[in-house]
Every structure is written in C-alpha cells, then in structure tokens.
C-alpha cells in the first residue's frame, strides 16, 4: 500500500480524490489540511490528515508518503498576490519537497490554457502561475503527470473523457472525472512525465490516456 498525499484535500476536487482513494486497493490517502477544524470531516471518512499550509510550513506532510496529488488552487477570481503564493510559490515548494523526500510520482492538477496564457484573459494571472508551477515540475526530475482540464463542473462523472496533448477546443468536465484521471495517473509509467488536456468525451479514462502514448 502506498501513501498518497493530497495537497488541497479540502477543496471540491480534493474531497472527491480523498473519497476515491479511500476505496482504492493500492493506496492510503493522506489529506493535507490547513485548519484543524477540517480534520473531523476526513476522520469521519476514515482518511488520515496532516496539518500543512502552502503559504507556510508543510514539510512534515511530505515525510513518509510515496506519491503526491496536487489539487490546491486559489481559483481564477482571487487576487494576484494570493494566486502567486498558492498556485505558483506554494506549488513550487511542494515540488521541491517532493524531490527532497524521494516522491515516486507527482500528479499536478493544472488547467487548459496554462501552456500559453492569454494576456488579455481575466484568468491570465492564474494561468501564468500554473504555467510556472508546471514548468518547475517538468524540470524537477520528479516523475510526473500534469493534467489540464477544461472548465470544471459539479455534475456526476461519466468515466468518459477525451484527452490529447493539446485539444483544439474548449469545453467542460466534471470534477469527479478529473479526480478519476488524477488517480489513474498515479500508477502509470510515463517515463519522466506526461502533460495532457482533458474534456468530457466518449472514451474510457484508460483508453483516452493510454492512447496518447500511441500518437
């Protein structure tokens, strides 16, 4: 059994990841929480937690875990300062910690548009921060998967997606399906790493993602 640290576990997508990992045969989820008041939620789920703050100290959470899923995010509507401290600097610190502690796989939840942020977009500062974090991960030497979904929804998952290194369209995908994709990436061997975009689609998660390597 491998321990998987979920950074951003108390967010919408993070809670789904924790729920799914709890029921997975090969993994033990560890929820990184910023506030002790959040501990009860995960305890009731049967998920262990650790206190850590991306804007402060969290190295203790990285000790004794095997893999990391990063689902933290300030969101596109927050100010630039918060985005810088969480989505860029916090993510970079977590990647450095992953390297220091020999993490076997780092799965990053990024966003479509992060590869080439549109300077005229209201999401520019958010996507630019994500881009810096993604590039930091690629250069870190830590085995990785960077998942870039379209607009996230709260709809029920279908376990059907489309995936490509670059999708030439906009669209949406449920948080549940995104969580399933992140977990799928934990045990796949992508060499040094794999970066791809996803939307709702017609292929199974396995078929859509594994098909990328055949392109």
N, C-alpha and C. Protein backbone atom coordinates (compact mmCIF):
# COMPACT_ATOMS: atom_id res chain seq x y z
N UNK A 1 0.85 -1.20 0.00
CA UNK A 1 0.00 0.00 0.00
C UNK A 1 0.88 1.25 0.00
N UNK A 2 0.58 2.16 -0.91
CA UNK A 2 1.34 3.40 -0.99
C UNK A 2 0.53 4.56 -0.40
N UNK A 3 1.23 5.42 0.34
CA UNK A 3 0.58 6.60 0.89
C UNK A 3 0.62 7.72 -0.14
N UNK A 4 -0.54 8.33 -0.34
CA UNK A 4 -0.66 9.43 -1.31
C UNK A 4 -1.09 10.69 -0.58
N UNK A 5 -0.25 11.70 -0.61
CA UNK A 5 -0.57 12.98 -0.01
C UNK A 5 -1.43 13.80 -0.98
N UNK A 6 -2.57 14.25 -0.50
CA UNK A 6 -3.46 15.09 -1.31
C UNK A 6 -3.28 16.52 -0.83
N UNK A 7 -2.63 17.33 -1.64
CA UNK A 7 -2.43 18.75 -1.31
C UNK A 7 -3.61 19.52 -1.88
N UNK A 8 -4.36 20.16 -0.98
CA UNK A 8 -5.61 20.80 -1.39
C UNK A 8 -6.79 19.87 -1.17
N UNK A 9 -6.67 18.99 -0.18
CA UNK A 9 -7.67 17.94 0.04
C UNK A 9 -9.04 18.48 0.42
N UNK A 10 -9.10 19.65 1.02
CA UNK A 10 -10.39 20.16 1.49
C UNK A 10 -11.16 20.91 0.42
N UNK A 11 -10.60 21.05 -0.77
CA UNK A 11 -11.33 21.68 -1.87
C UNK A 11 -12.32 20.72 -2.49
N UNK A 12 -13.12 21.21 -3.42
CA UNK A 12 -14.16 20.38 -4.06
C UNK A 12 -13.56 19.13 -4.69
N UNK A 13 -12.55 19.33 -5.54
CA UNK A 13 -11.94 18.19 -6.22
C UNK A 13 -11.13 17.34 -5.24
N UNK A 14 -10.46 17.97 -4.30
CA UNK A 14 -9.67 17.25 -3.33
C UNK A 14 -10.48 16.28 -2.50
N UNK A 15 -11.67 16.69 -2.11
CA UNK A 15 -12.53 15.79 -1.32
C UNK A 15 -12.96 14.58 -2.14
N UNK A 16 -13.19 14.78 -3.42
CA UNK A 16 -13.55 13.66 -4.29
C UNK A 16 -12.37 12.70 -4.42
N UNK A 17 -11.18 13.26 -4.60
CA UNK A 17 -9.98 12.43 -4.69
C UNK A 17 -9.80 11.60 -3.42
N UNK A 18 -9.98 12.24 -2.27
CA UNK A 18 -9.83 11.54 -0.99
C UNK A 18 -10.83 10.39 -0.89
N UNK A 19 -12.07 10.64 -1.28
CA UNK A 19 -13.11 9.62 -1.22
C UNK A 19 -12.76 8.43 -2.10
N UNK A 20 -12.32 8.72 -3.32
CA UNK A 20 -12.00 7.65 -4.25
C UNK A 20 -10.76 6.87 -3.81
N UNK A 21 -9.76 7.56 -3.31
CA UNK A 21 -8.54 6.88 -2.88
C UNK A 21 -8.79 6.01 -1.65
N UNK A 22 -9.71 6.44 -0.80
CA UNK A 22 -10.03 5.67 0.40
C UNK A 22 -10.52 4.27 0.03
N UNK A 23 -11.19 4.19 -1.10
CA UNK A 23 -11.74 2.90 -1.53
C UNK A 23 -10.83 2.15 -2.49
N UNK A 24 -9.67 2.74 -2.80
CA UNK A 24 -8.73 2.08 -3.72
C UNK A 24 -7.93 1.02 -2.99
N UNK A 25 -7.65 -0.06 -3.67
CA UNK A 25 -6.97 -1.20 -3.02
C UNK A 25 -5.49 -0.93 -2.77
N UNK A 26 -4.90 -0.07 -3.59
CA UNK A 26 -3.44 0.08 -3.53
C UNK A 26 -2.94 1.31 -2.79
N UNK A 27 -3.85 2.17 -2.35
CA UNK A 27 -3.42 3.46 -1.80
C UNK A 27 -4.03 3.78 -0.45
N UNK A 28 -3.27 4.54 0.33
CA UNK A 28 -3.74 5.10 1.59
C UNK A 28 -3.67 6.62 1.45
N UNK A 29 -4.82 7.31 1.38
CA UNK A 29 -4.79 8.76 1.23
C UNK A 29 -4.42 9.47 2.52
N UNK A 30 -3.68 10.56 2.38
CA UNK A 30 -3.37 11.45 3.49
C UNK A 30 -3.78 12.85 3.07
N UNK A 31 -4.74 13.41 3.78
CA UNK A 31 -5.28 14.73 3.41
C UNK A 31 -4.47 15.83 4.08
N UNK A 32 -3.86 16.70 3.28
CA UNK A 32 -3.19 17.86 3.84
C UNK A 32 -4.21 18.96 4.05
N UNK A 33 -4.39 19.39 5.30
CA UNK A 33 -5.38 20.41 5.63
C UNK A 33 -4.69 21.61 6.26
N UNK A 34 -5.27 22.76 6.04
CA UNK A 34 -4.67 23.99 6.55
C UNK A 34 -5.19 24.36 7.93
N UNK A 35 -6.38 23.87 8.27
CA UNK A 35 -7.05 24.23 9.51
C UNK A 35 -7.46 22.97 10.25
N UNK A 36 -7.19 22.92 11.55
CA UNK A 36 -7.54 21.74 12.34
C UNK A 36 -9.04 21.47 12.36
N UNK A 37 -9.84 22.50 12.11
CA UNK A 37 -11.30 22.32 12.06
C UNK A 37 -11.71 21.40 10.91
N UNK A 38 -10.85 21.26 9.91
CA UNK A 38 -11.17 20.42 8.76
C UNK A 38 -10.89 18.94 9.03
N UNK A 39 -10.23 18.66 10.14
CA UNK A 39 -9.81 17.29 10.44
C UNK A 39 -10.99 16.35 10.63
N UNK A 40 -12.05 16.84 11.26
CA UNK A 40 -13.20 15.99 11.57
C UNK A 40 -13.82 15.40 10.31
N UNK A 41 -13.91 16.20 9.26
CA UNK A 41 -14.50 15.72 8.01
C UNK A 41 -13.78 14.48 7.51
N UNK A 42 -12.46 14.53 7.52
CA UNK A 42 -11.68 13.40 6.99
C UNK A 42 -11.65 12.23 7.97
N UNK A 43 -11.65 12.53 9.25
CA UNK A 43 -11.70 11.45 10.25
C UNK A 43 -12.99 10.63 10.08
N UNK A 44 -14.10 11.31 9.85
CA UNK A 44 -15.37 10.62 9.66
C UNK A 44 -15.36 9.76 8.40
N UNK A 45 -14.55 10.16 7.43
CA UNK A 45 -14.40 9.38 6.20
C UNK A 45 -13.47 8.19 6.40
N UNK A 46 -12.70 8.24 7.45
CA UNK A 46 -11.68 7.21 7.65
C UNK A 46 -10.39 7.53 6.93
N UNK A 47 -10.15 8.83 6.69
CA UNK A 47 -8.93 9.28 6.00
C UNK A 47 -8.06 10.05 6.98
N UNK A 48 -6.79 9.67 7.06
CA UNK A 48 -5.88 10.41 7.94
C UNK A 48 -5.53 11.75 7.34
N UNK A 49 -5.15 12.68 8.20
CA UNK A 49 -4.83 14.03 7.73
C UNK A 49 -3.57 14.54 8.40
N UNK A 50 -3.01 15.60 7.84
CA UNK A 50 -1.87 16.27 8.46
C UNK A 50 -2.03 17.77 8.23
N UNK A 51 -1.57 18.54 9.19
CA UNK A 51 -1.67 19.99 9.10
C UNK A 51 -0.49 20.55 8.30
N UNK A 52 -0.82 21.34 7.28
CA UNK A 52 0.21 21.96 6.46
C UNK A 52 -0.38 23.12 5.69
N UNK A 53 0.42 24.12 5.44
CA UNK A 53 -0.05 25.33 4.76
C UNK A 53 0.91 25.66 3.63
N UNK A 54 0.39 25.69 2.41
CA UNK A 54 1.24 26.01 1.25
C UNK A 54 1.89 27.39 1.38
N UNK A 55 1.24 28.27 2.13
CA UNK A 55 1.79 29.61 2.32
C UNK A 55 2.68 29.68 3.57
N UNK A 56 2.88 28.52 4.20
CA UNK A 56 3.72 28.47 5.39
C UNK A 56 4.56 27.21 5.39
N UNK A 57 4.40 26.40 6.44
CA UNK A 57 5.17 25.18 6.58
C UNK A 57 4.31 23.95 6.29
N UNK A 58 4.88 23.00 5.58
CA UNK A 58 4.15 21.75 5.33
C UNK A 58 5.07 20.57 5.06
N UNK A 59 6.35 20.72 5.33
CA UNK A 59 7.29 19.64 5.04
C UNK A 59 6.94 18.37 5.80
N UNK A 60 6.37 18.52 7.01
CA UNK A 60 6.01 17.35 7.80
C UNK A 60 5.04 16.44 7.05
N UNK A 61 4.20 17.04 6.21
CA UNK A 61 3.21 16.26 5.46
C UNK A 61 3.86 15.44 4.35
N UNK A 62 5.02 15.84 3.90
CA UNK A 62 5.69 15.16 2.79
C UNK A 62 6.54 13.98 3.26
N UNK A 63 6.71 13.86 4.56
CA UNK A 63 7.53 12.78 5.10
C UNK A 63 6.71 11.48 5.18
N UNK A 64 7.29 10.40 4.71
CA UNK A 64 6.64 9.11 4.84
C UNK A 64 5.54 8.83 3.83
N UNK A 65 5.41 9.68 2.80
CA UNK A 65 4.43 9.41 1.75
C UNK A 65 5.17 9.00 0.48
N UNK A 66 4.47 8.30 -0.38
CA UNK A 66 5.08 7.77 -1.60
C UNK A 66 4.81 8.62 -2.83
N UNK A 67 3.60 9.19 -2.89
CA UNK A 67 3.19 9.94 -4.07
C UNK A 67 2.37 11.16 -3.65
N UNK A 68 2.24 12.11 -4.56
CA UNK A 68 1.51 13.34 -4.27
C UNK A 68 0.52 13.63 -5.39
N UNK A 69 -0.69 14.04 -5.00
CA UNK A 69 -1.64 14.65 -5.94
C UNK A 69 -1.85 16.08 -5.49
N UNK A 70 -1.57 17.02 -6.38
CA UNK A 70 -1.72 18.45 -6.07
C UNK A 70 -3.00 18.96 -6.70
N UNK A 71 -3.98 19.28 -5.83
CA UNK A 71 -5.27 19.81 -6.32
C UNK A 71 -5.59 21.14 -5.68
N UNK A 72 -4.59 21.77 -5.06
CA UNK A 72 -4.81 23.07 -4.43
C UNK A 72 -4.91 24.14 -5.51
N UNK A 73 -5.61 25.21 -5.18
CA UNK A 73 -5.71 26.32 -6.12
C UNK A 73 -6.45 27.49 -5.51
N UNK A 74 -5.98 28.67 -5.81
CA UNK A 74 -6.64 29.87 -5.30
C UNK A 74 -7.88 30.21 -6.11
N UNK A 75 -7.95 29.65 -7.35
CA UNK A 75 -9.08 29.97 -8.22
C UNK A 75 -8.80 31.21 -9.04
N UNK A 76 -9.47 31.31 -10.17
CA UNK A 76 -9.21 32.42 -11.08
C UNK A 76 -9.74 33.75 -10.62
N UNK A 77 -10.57 33.78 -9.59
CA UNK A 77 -11.21 35.03 -9.16
C UNK A 77 -10.48 35.69 -8.00
N UNK A 78 -9.42 35.06 -7.48
CA UNK A 78 -8.69 35.65 -6.37
C UNK A 78 -7.71 36.69 -6.88
N UNK A 79 -7.18 37.46 -5.96
CA UNK A 79 -6.21 38.47 -6.33
C UNK A 79 -4.88 37.86 -6.74
N UNK A 80 -4.08 38.67 -7.41
CA UNK A 80 -2.80 38.19 -7.93
C UNK A 80 -1.88 37.72 -6.81
N UNK A 81 -1.88 38.42 -5.67
CA UNK A 81 -0.97 38.06 -4.58
C UNK A 81 -1.26 36.65 -4.05
N UNK A 82 -2.56 36.33 -3.87
CA UNK A 82 -2.95 35.00 -3.37
C UNK A 82 -2.60 33.94 -4.40
N UNK A 83 -2.85 34.24 -5.65
CA UNK A 83 -2.52 33.29 -6.72
C UNK A 83 -1.03 33.00 -6.76
N UNK A 84 -0.24 34.04 -6.61
CA UNK A 84 1.22 33.87 -6.63
C UNK A 84 1.67 32.97 -5.47
N UNK A 85 1.10 33.19 -4.27
CA UNK A 85 1.58 32.46 -3.10
C UNK A 85 1.11 31.02 -3.07
N UNK A 86 -0.06 30.72 -3.67
CA UNK A 86 -0.59 29.36 -3.64
C UNK A 86 -0.25 28.60 -4.92
N UNK A 87 -0.71 29.11 -6.05
CA UNK A 87 -0.61 28.37 -7.31
C UNK A 87 0.79 28.34 -7.90
N UNK A 88 1.59 29.35 -7.57
CA UNK A 88 2.97 29.34 -8.09
C UNK A 88 3.97 28.97 -7.00
N UNK A 89 4.11 29.82 -5.99
CA UNK A 89 5.15 29.60 -4.98
C UNK A 89 4.86 28.37 -4.13
N UNK A 90 3.61 28.19 -3.73
CA UNK A 90 3.26 27.02 -2.93
C UNK A 90 3.47 25.73 -3.70
N UNK A 91 3.05 25.74 -4.95
CA UNK A 91 3.25 24.56 -5.79
C UNK A 91 4.73 24.27 -5.99
N UNK A 92 5.51 25.31 -6.24
CA UNK A 92 6.95 25.12 -6.42
C UNK A 92 7.60 24.53 -5.17
N UNK A 93 7.20 25.03 -4.00
CA UNK A 93 7.74 24.48 -2.75
C UNK A 93 7.39 23.01 -2.59
N UNK A 94 6.15 22.65 -2.96
CA UNK A 94 5.73 21.26 -2.81
C UNK A 94 6.52 20.35 -3.75
N UNK A 95 6.85 20.85 -4.92
CA UNK A 95 7.66 20.08 -5.87
C UNK A 95 9.07 19.90 -5.33
N UNK A 96 9.63 20.96 -4.76
CA UNK A 96 10.95 20.86 -4.16
C UNK A 96 10.95 19.85 -3.01
N UNK A 97 9.87 19.85 -2.22
CA UNK A 97 9.74 18.89 -1.12
C UNK A 97 9.63 17.46 -1.67
N UNK A 98 8.91 17.32 -2.78
CA UNK A 98 8.77 16.00 -3.39
C UNK A 98 10.13 15.46 -3.81
N UNK A 99 10.94 16.33 -4.38
CA UNK A 99 12.28 15.91 -4.80
C UNK A 99 13.14 15.56 -3.58
N UNK A 100 13.07 16.38 -2.57
CA UNK A 100 13.86 16.17 -1.35
C UNK A 100 13.53 14.84 -0.68
N UNK A 101 12.26 14.48 -0.69
CA UNK A 101 11.81 13.29 0.04
C UNK A 101 11.62 12.07 -0.86
N UNK A 102 12.09 12.15 -2.09
CA UNK A 102 12.09 10.98 -2.97
C UNK A 102 10.71 10.50 -3.37
N UNK A 103 9.80 11.44 -3.61
CA UNK A 103 8.45 11.07 -4.02
C UNK A 103 8.50 10.36 -5.38
N UNK A 104 7.77 9.24 -5.48
CA UNK A 104 7.83 8.41 -6.69
C UNK A 104 7.04 8.99 -7.85
N UNK A 105 5.98 9.73 -7.57
CA UNK A 105 5.15 10.30 -8.65
C UNK A 105 4.44 11.54 -8.12
N UNK A 106 4.42 12.57 -8.91
CA UNK A 106 3.73 13.81 -8.57
C UNK A 106 2.69 14.08 -9.66
N UNK A 107 1.43 14.09 -9.27
CA UNK A 107 0.35 14.33 -10.23
C UNK A 107 -0.21 15.73 -9.98
N UNK A 108 -0.08 16.60 -10.96
CA UNK A 108 -0.45 18.01 -10.84
C UNK A 108 -1.77 18.29 -11.56
N UNK A 109 -2.72 18.88 -10.84
CA UNK A 109 -3.92 19.39 -11.49
C UNK A 109 -3.62 20.81 -11.96
N UNK A 110 -3.57 20.98 -13.27
CA UNK A 110 -3.29 22.28 -13.86
C UNK A 110 -4.58 22.79 -14.53
N UNK A 111 -4.48 23.40 -15.68
CA UNK A 111 -5.65 23.93 -16.35
C UNK A 111 -5.37 24.12 -17.84
N UNK A 112 -6.39 23.88 -18.65
CA UNK A 112 -6.26 24.24 -20.06
C UNK A 112 -5.94 25.73 -20.16
N UNK A 113 -5.05 26.08 -21.07
CA UNK A 113 -4.65 27.47 -21.22
C UNK A 113 -3.38 27.82 -20.47
N UNK A 114 -2.93 26.91 -19.59
CA UNK A 114 -1.73 27.20 -18.80
C UNK A 114 -0.47 27.18 -19.66
N UNK A 115 -0.50 26.41 -20.74
CA UNK A 115 0.69 26.30 -21.57
C UNK A 115 1.07 27.62 -22.23
N UNK A 116 0.06 28.38 -22.62
CA UNK A 116 0.29 29.67 -23.30
C UNK A 116 -0.78 30.66 -22.83
N UNK A 117 -0.66 31.21 -21.63
CA UNK A 117 -1.70 32.06 -21.06
C UNK A 117 -1.99 33.30 -21.92
N UNK A 118 -3.25 33.54 -22.17
CA UNK A 118 -3.69 34.69 -22.96
C UNK A 118 -3.57 35.95 -22.10
N UNK A 119 -2.72 36.90 -22.50
CA UNK A 119 -2.54 38.10 -21.68
C UNK A 119 -3.79 38.95 -21.55
N UNK A 120 -4.76 38.75 -22.45
CA UNK A 120 -5.99 39.52 -22.40
C UNK A 120 -7.09 38.83 -21.60
N UNK A 121 -6.81 37.64 -21.14
CA UNK A 121 -7.81 36.89 -20.39
C UNK A 121 -7.86 37.35 -18.94
N UNK A 122 -9.06 37.35 -18.34
CA UNK A 122 -9.20 37.69 -16.92
C UNK A 122 -8.57 36.61 -16.04
N UNK A 123 -8.28 35.46 -16.63
CA UNK A 123 -7.65 34.36 -15.90
C UNK A 123 -6.13 34.36 -16.09
N UNK A 124 -5.59 35.41 -16.71
CA UNK A 124 -4.18 35.38 -17.09
C UNK A 124 -3.26 35.14 -15.90
N UNK A 125 -3.45 35.87 -14.80
CA UNK A 125 -2.53 35.73 -13.67
C UNK A 125 -2.59 34.32 -13.08
N UNK A 126 -3.78 33.71 -13.11
CA UNK A 126 -3.95 32.35 -12.60
C UNK A 126 -3.25 31.34 -13.51
N UNK A 127 -3.49 31.46 -14.81
CA UNK A 127 -2.91 30.52 -15.76
C UNK A 127 -1.39 30.69 -15.84
N UNK A 128 -0.93 31.93 -15.72
CA UNK A 128 0.51 32.18 -15.75
C UNK A 128 1.19 31.53 -14.54
N UNK A 129 0.54 31.61 -13.38
CA UNK A 129 1.09 30.98 -12.18
C UNK A 129 1.13 29.46 -12.35
N UNK A 130 0.06 28.90 -12.91
CA UNK A 130 0.01 27.46 -13.16
C UNK A 130 1.12 27.05 -14.12
N UNK A 131 1.37 27.87 -15.12
CA UNK A 131 2.40 27.56 -16.10
C UNK A 131 3.78 27.50 -15.45
N UNK A 132 4.07 28.45 -14.57
CA UNK A 132 5.36 28.45 -13.88
C UNK A 132 5.52 27.19 -13.04
N UNK A 133 4.45 26.82 -12.32
CA UNK A 133 4.50 25.61 -11.49
C UNK A 133 4.68 24.36 -12.36
N UNK A 134 3.96 24.29 -13.46
CA UNK A 134 4.08 23.14 -14.36
C UNK A 134 5.51 23.00 -14.88
N UNK A 135 6.10 24.10 -15.30
CA UNK A 135 7.47 24.06 -15.83
C UNK A 135 8.47 23.68 -14.74
N UNK A 136 8.21 24.14 -13.54
CA UNK A 136 9.08 23.77 -12.41
C UNK A 136 9.04 22.27 -12.18
N UNK A 137 7.86 21.69 -12.29
CA UNK A 137 7.71 20.25 -12.11
C UNK A 137 8.44 19.48 -13.21
N UNK A 138 8.28 19.95 -14.44
CA UNK A 138 8.92 19.27 -15.57
C UNK A 138 10.44 19.22 -15.42
N UNK A 139 11.01 20.26 -14.83
CA UNK A 139 12.46 20.36 -14.72
C UNK A 139 12.99 19.75 -13.41
N UNK A 140 12.09 19.30 -12.55
CA UNK A 140 12.48 18.88 -11.20
C UNK A 140 13.19 17.54 -11.14
N UNK A 141 12.92 16.67 -12.13
CA UNK A 141 13.44 15.32 -12.06
C UNK A 141 12.51 14.35 -11.37
N UNK A 142 11.41 14.86 -10.81
CA UNK A 142 10.42 14.00 -10.16
C UNK A 142 9.49 13.45 -11.25
N UNK A 143 9.25 12.14 -11.29
CA UNK A 143 8.30 11.59 -12.26
C UNK A 143 6.93 12.25 -12.08
N UNK A 144 6.30 12.66 -13.19
CA UNK A 144 5.09 13.47 -13.05
C UNK A 144 4.04 13.16 -14.11
N UNK A 145 2.84 13.62 -13.80
CA UNK A 145 1.77 13.75 -14.79
C UNK A 145 1.12 15.10 -14.53
N UNK A 146 0.97 15.89 -15.57
CA UNK A 146 0.30 17.20 -15.48
C UNK A 146 -1.01 17.10 -16.24
N UNK A 147 -2.11 17.27 -15.53
CA UNK A 147 -3.44 17.12 -16.11
C UNK A 147 -4.08 18.49 -16.24
N UNK A 148 -4.49 18.83 -17.48
CA UNK A 148 -5.05 20.15 -17.76
C UNK A 148 -6.49 20.03 -18.25
N UNK A 149 -7.45 20.12 -17.34
CA UNK A 149 -8.85 20.01 -17.74
C UNK A 149 -9.42 21.33 -18.24
N UNK A 150 -10.58 21.22 -18.89
CA UNK A 150 -11.34 22.40 -19.25
C UNK A 150 -12.09 22.90 -18.03
N UNK A 151 -13.20 23.61 -18.26
CA UNK A 151 -13.99 24.16 -17.15
C UNK A 151 -14.53 23.03 -16.28
N UNK A 152 -14.36 23.16 -14.97
CA UNK A 152 -14.79 22.13 -14.04
C UNK A 152 -16.25 22.31 -13.65
N UNK A 153 -16.98 21.21 -13.59
CA UNK A 153 -18.38 21.25 -13.19
C UNK A 153 -18.61 20.33 -12.00
N UNK A 154 -19.78 20.48 -11.38
CA UNK A 154 -20.15 19.63 -10.25
C UNK A 154 -21.10 18.51 -10.69
N UNK A 155 -21.19 18.27 -11.98
CA UNK A 155 -22.04 17.20 -12.49
C UNK A 155 -21.46 15.84 -12.09
N UNK A 156 -22.30 14.82 -12.11
CA UNK A 156 -21.82 13.48 -11.84
C UNK A 156 -20.86 13.02 -12.92
N UNK A 157 -19.91 12.20 -12.53
CA UNK A 157 -18.94 11.71 -13.50
C UNK A 157 -19.52 10.65 -14.41
N UNK A 158 -18.96 10.56 -15.61
CA UNK A 158 -19.38 9.55 -16.58
C UNK A 158 -18.29 8.52 -16.84
N UNK A 159 -17.07 8.83 -16.36
CA UNK A 159 -15.88 7.99 -16.62
C UNK A 159 -15.58 7.92 -18.11
N UNK A 160 -16.08 8.91 -18.86
CA UNK A 160 -15.81 9.00 -20.30
C UNK A 160 -15.20 10.37 -20.59
N UNK A 161 -14.05 10.37 -21.24
CA UNK A 161 -13.35 11.62 -21.50
C UNK A 161 -12.75 11.63 -22.90
N UNK A 162 -12.21 12.76 -23.27
CA UNK A 162 -11.30 12.85 -24.42
C UNK A 162 -10.02 13.46 -23.90
N UNK A 163 -8.90 13.03 -24.45
CA UNK A 163 -7.60 13.51 -23.99
C UNK A 163 -6.67 13.70 -25.17
N UNK A 164 -5.84 14.72 -25.09
CA UNK A 164 -4.83 14.97 -26.12
C UNK A 164 -3.73 15.83 -25.50
N UNK A 165 -2.57 15.79 -26.12
CA UNK A 165 -1.52 16.68 -25.65
C UNK A 165 -2.00 18.12 -25.74
N UNK A 166 -2.78 18.41 -26.80
CA UNK A 166 -3.38 19.74 -26.97
C UNK A 166 -4.73 19.55 -27.65
N UNK A 167 -5.80 19.90 -26.96
CA UNK A 167 -7.15 19.82 -27.54
C UNK A 167 -7.47 21.15 -28.22
N UNK A 168 -7.90 21.08 -29.46
CA UNK A 168 -8.19 22.30 -30.20
C UNK A 168 -9.65 22.71 -30.02
N UNK A 169 -10.10 22.70 -28.77
CA UNK A 169 -11.48 23.09 -28.47
C UNK A 169 -11.60 23.42 -27.00
N UNK A 170 -12.65 24.16 -26.68
CA UNK A 170 -12.96 24.46 -25.29
C UNK A 170 -14.09 23.53 -24.85
N UNK A 171 -14.29 23.41 -23.56
CA UNK A 171 -15.35 22.56 -23.07
C UNK A 171 -15.26 22.41 -21.57
N UNK A 172 -15.99 21.43 -21.06
CA UNK A 172 -16.02 21.22 -19.62
C UNK A 172 -15.86 19.74 -19.28
N UNK A 173 -15.69 19.49 -17.99
CA UNK A 173 -15.54 18.12 -17.50
C UNK A 173 -15.88 18.14 -16.01
N UNK A 174 -16.47 17.07 -15.53
CA UNK A 174 -16.87 17.03 -14.12
C UNK A 174 -15.67 16.85 -13.22
N UNK A 175 -15.77 17.40 -12.03
CA UNK A 175 -14.70 17.23 -11.05
C UNK A 175 -14.49 15.75 -10.72
N UNK A 176 -15.57 14.99 -10.72
CA UNK A 176 -15.46 13.57 -10.42
C UNK A 176 -14.59 12.87 -11.45
N UNK A 177 -14.80 13.18 -12.73
CA UNK A 177 -13.98 12.55 -13.76
C UNK A 177 -12.54 13.03 -13.69
N UNK A 178 -12.34 14.30 -13.35
CA UNK A 178 -10.98 14.80 -13.18
C UNK A 178 -10.28 14.04 -12.05
N UNK A 179 -10.97 13.84 -10.94
CA UNK A 179 -10.40 13.09 -9.82
C UNK A 179 -10.00 11.68 -10.26
N UNK A 180 -10.85 11.05 -11.05
CA UNK A 180 -10.55 9.69 -11.53
C UNK A 180 -9.31 9.69 -12.43
N UNK A 181 -9.17 10.71 -13.24
CA UNK A 181 -7.99 10.82 -14.12
C UNK A 181 -6.72 10.99 -13.28
N UNK A 182 -6.78 11.86 -12.28
CA UNK A 182 -5.61 12.08 -11.43
C UNK A 182 -5.17 10.78 -10.75
N UNK A 183 -6.13 10.02 -10.25
CA UNK A 183 -5.81 8.76 -9.59
C UNK A 183 -5.27 7.74 -10.59
N UNK A 184 -5.86 7.71 -11.79
CA UNK A 184 -5.38 6.80 -12.83
C UNK A 184 -3.90 7.03 -13.11
N UNK A 185 -3.47 8.29 -13.05
CA UNK A 185 -2.09 8.63 -13.38
C UNK A 185 -1.09 8.20 -12.31
N UNK A 186 -1.57 7.90 -11.12
CA UNK A 186 -0.66 7.58 -10.02
C UNK A 186 0.24 6.38 -10.30
N UNK A 187 -0.35 5.35 -10.91
CA UNK A 187 0.42 4.11 -11.06
C UNK A 187 0.85 3.82 -12.50
N UNK A 188 0.73 4.82 -13.37
CA UNK A 188 1.13 4.62 -14.76
C UNK A 188 2.56 5.09 -14.96
N UNK A 189 3.29 4.38 -15.78
CA UNK A 189 4.68 4.75 -16.07
C UNK A 189 4.72 5.60 -17.33
N UNK A 190 4.97 6.88 -17.16
CA UNK A 190 5.07 7.79 -18.30
C UNK A 190 6.51 8.24 -18.53
N UNK A 191 7.46 7.43 -18.09
CA UNK A 191 8.84 7.84 -18.22
C UNK A 191 9.10 9.02 -17.29
N UNK A 192 9.71 10.06 -17.81
CA UNK A 192 9.95 11.23 -16.97
C UNK A 192 8.66 11.96 -16.66
N UNK A 193 7.70 11.96 -17.60
CA UNK A 193 6.44 12.64 -17.33
C UNK A 193 5.55 12.76 -18.55
N UNK A 194 4.31 13.18 -18.29
CA UNK A 194 3.32 13.33 -19.34
C UNK A 194 2.44 14.53 -19.03
N UNK A 195 2.19 15.37 -20.02
CA UNK A 195 1.31 16.54 -19.87
C UNK A 195 0.22 16.45 -20.92
N UNK A 196 -1.04 16.58 -20.49
CA UNK A 196 -2.14 16.45 -21.45
C UNK A 196 -3.38 17.20 -20.98
N UNK A 197 -4.28 17.45 -21.93
CA UNK A 197 -5.53 18.14 -21.66
C UNK A 197 -6.69 17.15 -21.72
N UNK A 198 -7.75 17.44 -20.96
CA UNK A 198 -8.91 16.56 -20.95
C UNK A 198 -10.21 17.36 -20.95
N UNK A 199 -11.22 16.75 -21.56
CA UNK A 199 -12.59 17.25 -21.55
C UNK A 199 -13.51 16.04 -21.44
N UNK A 200 -14.78 16.27 -21.21
CA UNK A 200 -15.75 15.18 -21.29
C UNK A 200 -15.71 14.60 -22.70
N UNK A 201 -15.89 13.31 -22.80
CA UNK A 201 -15.81 12.69 -24.12
C UNK A 201 -16.49 11.34 -24.16
N UNK A 202 -16.01 10.48 -25.06
CA UNK A 202 -16.66 9.19 -25.30
C UNK A 202 -15.78 7.98 -24.99
N UNK A 203 -14.52 8.21 -24.64
CA UNK A 203 -13.61 7.10 -24.38
C UNK A 203 -13.48 6.86 -22.88
N UNK A 204 -13.19 5.63 -22.51
CA UNK A 204 -12.88 5.34 -21.11
C UNK A 204 -11.62 6.10 -20.74
N UNK A 205 -11.46 6.37 -19.46
CA UNK A 205 -10.28 7.09 -18.99
C UNK A 205 -9.00 6.35 -19.39
N UNK A 206 -8.99 5.05 -19.19
CA UNK A 206 -7.81 4.25 -19.55
C UNK A 206 -7.51 4.37 -21.04
N UNK A 207 -8.52 4.20 -21.87
CA UNK A 207 -8.32 4.23 -23.32
C UNK A 207 -7.86 5.60 -23.79
N UNK A 208 -8.46 6.64 -23.24
CA UNK A 208 -8.13 8.00 -23.68
C UNK A 208 -6.70 8.39 -23.33
N UNK A 209 -6.28 8.07 -22.11
CA UNK A 209 -4.95 8.49 -21.66
C UNK A 209 -3.85 7.59 -22.22
N UNK A 210 -4.08 6.30 -22.16
CA UNK A 210 -3.06 5.39 -22.68
C UNK A 210 -2.88 5.54 -24.17
N UNK A 211 -3.95 5.97 -24.86
CA UNK A 211 -3.86 6.19 -26.30
C UNK A 211 -2.94 7.34 -26.66
N UNK A 212 -2.67 8.23 -25.74
CA UNK A 212 -1.78 9.36 -26.01
C UNK A 212 -0.39 8.88 -26.39
N UNK A 213 0.04 7.81 -25.75
CA UNK A 213 1.41 7.32 -25.98
C UNK A 213 1.57 6.69 -27.36
N UNK A 214 0.43 6.44 -28.02
CA UNK A 214 0.48 5.83 -29.35
C UNK A 214 0.52 6.88 -30.46
N UNK A 215 0.29 8.14 -30.08
CA UNK A 215 0.22 9.20 -31.09
C UNK A 215 1.61 9.54 -31.61
